[in-house]
Amino acid sequence: MLQELKEQVLKLTPSDRLALVSAIIESLQDTQISEPERYSAVKRMQGLLKTDQPAPTDEEVAAMLEQRRLDKYLQ
């Protein structure tokens, strides 16, 4: 089942994947996790954020945020 979930996640857009990561992190904030488990989880999440593409410029990020706001509030 985990493998199927991973395959589905990879079909999401990058912004949807980031939203999913955020939701997962929020869901875990109220739980008690031991330090070794937390460290391991953080390392795995860092690997998820790696990409072969260069980081977006400030202008590109501003354009993405503006587009997200337009999509969110004008639809």
N, C-alpha and C. Protein backbone atom coordinates (compact mmCIF):
# COMPACT_ATOMS: atom_id res chain seq x y z
N MET A 1 0.82 -1.19 0.00
CA MET A 1 0.00 0.00 0.00
C MET A 1 0.86 1.26 0.00
N LEU A 2 1.96 1.27 0.74
CA LEU A 2 2.84 2.43 0.77
C LEU A 2 3.41 2.70 -0.60
N GLN A 3 3.81 1.67 -1.31
CA GLN A 3 4.36 1.84 -2.65
C GLN A 3 3.33 2.47 -3.58
N GLU A 4 2.08 2.05 -3.48
CA GLU A 4 1.01 2.62 -4.31
C GLU A 4 0.82 4.10 -3.99
N LEU A 5 0.89 4.43 -2.71
CA LEU A 5 0.75 5.82 -2.29
C LEU A 5 1.89 6.66 -2.85
N LYS A 6 3.10 6.14 -2.79
CA LYS A 6 4.25 6.86 -3.33
C LYS A 6 4.07 7.11 -4.83
N GLU A 7 3.58 6.13 -5.55
CA GLU A 7 3.36 6.28 -6.98
C GLU A 7 2.32 7.37 -7.26
N GLN A 8 1.27 7.41 -6.46
CA GLN A 8 0.25 8.43 -6.62
C GLN A 8 0.80 9.82 -6.32
N VAL A 9 1.63 9.91 -5.29
CA VAL A 9 2.22 11.20 -4.91
C VAL A 9 3.07 11.74 -6.04
N LEU A 10 3.82 10.89 -6.71
CA LEU A 10 4.69 11.34 -7.79
C LEU A 10 3.90 11.87 -8.98
N LYS A 11 2.63 11.57 -9.06
CA LYS A 11 1.79 12.08 -10.15
C LYS A 11 1.26 13.49 -9.84
N LEU A 12 1.40 13.93 -8.60
CA LEU A 12 0.94 15.26 -8.21
C LEU A 12 1.87 16.34 -8.73
N THR A 13 1.35 17.55 -8.85
CA THR A 13 2.19 18.68 -9.23
C THR A 13 3.13 19.00 -8.07
N PRO A 14 4.24 19.66 -8.34
CA PRO A 14 5.15 20.02 -7.25
C PRO A 14 4.46 20.82 -6.13
N SER A 15 3.61 21.75 -6.49
CA SER A 15 2.94 22.54 -5.45
C SER A 15 1.99 21.67 -4.62
N ASP A 16 1.33 20.71 -5.26
CA ASP A 16 0.46 19.80 -4.50
C ASP A 16 1.28 18.89 -3.60
N ARG A 17 2.46 18.48 -4.06
CA ARG A 17 3.31 17.64 -3.20
C ARG A 17 3.78 18.43 -1.99
N LEU A 18 4.13 19.71 -2.18
CA LEU A 18 4.54 20.53 -1.05
C LEU A 18 3.38 20.72 -0.07
N ALA A 19 2.18 20.90 -0.60
CA ALA A 19 1.01 21.03 0.27
C ALA A 19 0.79 19.74 1.06
N LEU A 20 1.02 18.61 0.42
CA LEU A 20 0.88 17.32 1.10
C LEU A 20 1.92 17.18 2.21
N VAL A 21 3.16 17.55 1.92
CA VAL A 21 4.21 17.49 2.94
C VAL A 21 3.84 18.38 4.12
N SER A 22 3.33 19.57 3.82
CA SER A 22 2.92 20.48 4.88
C SER A 22 1.81 19.88 5.73
N ALA A 23 0.83 19.27 5.08
CA ALA A 23 -0.28 18.65 5.81
C ALA A 23 0.22 17.51 6.68
N ILE A 24 1.15 16.73 6.18
CA ILE A 24 1.70 15.62 6.96
C ILE A 24 2.46 16.15 8.17
N ILE A 25 3.25 17.18 7.96
CA ILE A 25 4.00 17.76 9.07
C ILE A 25 3.05 18.31 10.13
N GLU A 26 2.01 19.02 9.70
CA GLU A 26 1.03 19.55 10.65
C GLU A 26 0.37 18.43 11.44
N SER A 27 0.07 17.32 10.77
CA SER A 27 -0.60 16.21 11.45
C SER A 27 0.31 15.55 12.48
N LEU A 28 1.61 15.69 12.32
CA LEU A 28 2.55 15.06 13.24
C LEU A 28 2.97 15.98 14.39
N GLN A 29 2.65 17.25 14.32
CA GLN A 29 3.11 18.19 15.34
C GLN A 29 2.56 17.89 16.72
N ASP A 30 1.38 17.32 16.80
CA ASP A 30 0.79 17.04 18.11
C ASP A 30 1.16 15.66 18.65
N THR A 31 1.93 14.90 17.90
CA THR A 31 2.29 13.56 18.36
C THR A 31 3.69 13.58 18.96
N GLN A 32 3.92 12.67 19.89
CA GLN A 32 5.24 12.54 20.49
C GLN A 32 6.06 11.56 19.67
N ILE A 33 7.17 12.03 19.16
CA ILE A 33 8.06 11.19 18.35
C ILE A 33 9.43 11.20 19.01
N SER A 34 10.03 10.03 19.12
CA SER A 34 11.36 9.97 19.72
C SER A 34 12.38 10.66 18.81
N GLU A 35 13.47 11.11 19.39
CA GLU A 35 14.51 11.82 18.63
C GLU A 35 15.04 11.01 17.44
N PRO A 36 15.39 9.73 17.62
CA PRO A 36 15.88 8.97 16.46
C PRO A 36 14.85 8.87 15.34
N GLU A 37 13.59 8.70 15.68
CA GLU A 37 12.54 8.64 14.66
C GLU A 37 12.39 9.98 13.97
N ARG A 38 12.44 11.05 14.73
CA ARG A 38 12.31 12.39 14.17
C ARG A 38 13.47 12.68 13.21
N TYR A 39 14.68 12.36 13.63
CA TYR A 39 15.85 12.59 12.79
C TYR A 39 15.73 11.82 11.48
N SER A 40 15.33 10.58 11.57
CA SER A 40 15.17 9.74 10.39
C SER A 40 14.11 10.31 9.45
N ALA A 41 13.00 10.77 10.02
CA ALA A 41 11.92 11.34 9.21
C ALA A 41 12.37 12.62 8.51
N VAL A 42 13.11 13.45 9.22
CA VAL A 42 13.60 14.70 8.62
C VAL A 42 14.54 14.39 7.47
N LYS A 43 15.43 13.43 7.64
CA LYS A 43 16.36 13.06 6.57
C LYS A 43 15.60 12.56 5.34
N ARG A 44 14.57 11.76 5.55
CA ARG A 44 13.78 11.26 4.42
C ARG A 44 13.06 12.41 3.72
N MET A 45 12.52 13.35 4.49
CA MET A 45 11.81 14.48 3.89
C MET A 45 12.76 15.38 3.11
N GLN A 46 13.97 15.55 3.59
CA GLN A 46 14.94 16.36 2.86
C GLN A 46 15.22 15.74 1.50
N GLY A 47 15.28 14.43 1.47
CA GLY A 47 15.49 13.74 0.20
C GLY A 47 14.34 13.96 -0.77
N LEU A 48 13.13 14.09 -0.25
CA LEU A 48 11.97 14.33 -1.10
C LEU A 48 12.03 15.69 -1.77
N LEU A 49 12.68 16.63 -1.11
CA LEU A 49 12.72 17.99 -1.64
C LEU A 49 13.84 18.21 -2.65
N LYS A 50 14.74 17.25 -2.80
CA LYS A 50 15.84 17.39 -3.74
C LYS A 50 15.31 17.31 -5.16
N THR A 51 15.95 18.08 -6.03
CA THR A 51 15.58 18.07 -7.44
C THR A 51 16.81 18.36 -8.28
N ASP A 52 16.75 17.98 -9.55
CA ASP A 52 17.85 18.26 -10.46
C ASP A 52 17.77 19.67 -11.03
N GLN A 53 16.66 20.33 -10.79
CA GLN A 53 16.45 21.67 -11.33
C GLN A 53 17.02 22.72 -10.38
N PRO A 54 17.46 23.84 -10.93
CA PRO A 54 17.95 24.92 -10.06
C PRO A 54 16.80 25.52 -9.28
N ALA A 55 17.13 26.12 -8.15
CA ALA A 55 16.11 26.78 -7.34
C ALA A 55 15.51 27.94 -8.12
N PRO A 56 14.22 28.20 -7.92
CA PRO A 56 13.62 29.33 -8.64
C PRO A 56 14.16 30.65 -8.13
N THR A 57 14.17 31.63 -9.02
CA THR A 57 14.62 32.97 -8.63
C THR A 57 13.53 33.64 -7.81
N ASP A 58 13.87 34.75 -7.17
CA ASP A 58 12.89 35.50 -6.40
C ASP A 58 11.72 35.93 -7.28
N GLU A 59 12.03 36.33 -8.51
CA GLU A 59 10.98 36.76 -9.43
C GLU A 59 10.06 35.59 -9.80
N GLU A 60 10.63 34.41 -10.01
CA GLU A 60 9.83 33.24 -10.33
C GLU A 60 8.94 32.84 -9.16
N VAL A 61 9.47 32.93 -7.95
CA VAL A 61 8.68 32.61 -6.76
C VAL A 61 7.53 33.61 -6.62
N ALA A 62 7.82 34.89 -6.83
CA ALA A 62 6.77 35.91 -6.75
C ALA A 62 5.68 35.64 -7.78
N ALA A 63 6.07 35.24 -8.99
CA ALA A 63 5.09 34.94 -10.03
C ALA A 63 4.27 33.71 -9.65
N MET A 64 4.90 32.68 -9.07
CA MET A 64 4.17 31.49 -8.65
C MET A 64 3.16 31.83 -7.55
N LEU A 65 3.59 32.65 -6.59
CA LEU A 65 2.68 33.05 -5.51
C LEU A 65 1.51 33.85 -6.04
N GLU A 66 1.80 34.76 -6.97
CA GLU A 66 0.72 35.56 -7.56
C GLU A 66 -0.25 34.66 -8.31
N GLN A 67 0.26 33.71 -9.07
CA GLN A 67 -0.60 32.79 -9.81
C GLN A 67 -1.44 31.95 -8.84
N ARG A 68 -0.84 31.52 -7.76
CA ARG A 68 -1.57 30.72 -6.76
C ARG A 68 -2.71 31.54 -6.15
N ARG A 69 -2.43 32.82 -5.85
CA ARG A 69 -3.47 33.68 -5.30
C ARG A 69 -4.60 33.89 -6.30
N LEU A 70 -4.24 34.11 -7.56
CA LEU A 70 -5.25 34.28 -8.60
C LEU A 70 -6.12 33.04 -8.71
N ASP A 71 -5.48 31.87 -8.72
CA ASP A 71 -6.21 30.61 -8.81
C ASP A 71 -7.13 30.42 -7.60
N LYS A 72 -6.62 30.78 -6.45
CA LYS A 72 -7.36 30.56 -5.20
C LYS A 72 -8.56 31.50 -5.06
N TYR A 73 -8.36 32.77 -5.37
CA TYR A 73 -9.39 33.75 -5.07
C TYR A 73 -10.27 34.14 -6.25
N LEU A 74 -9.87 33.80 -7.46
CA LEU A 74 -10.68 34.20 -8.61
C LEU A 74 -11.47 33.04 -9.21
N GLN A 75 -11.42 31.91 -8.58
CA GLN A 75 -12.19 30.78 -9.12
C GLN A 75 -13.29 30.39 -8.19
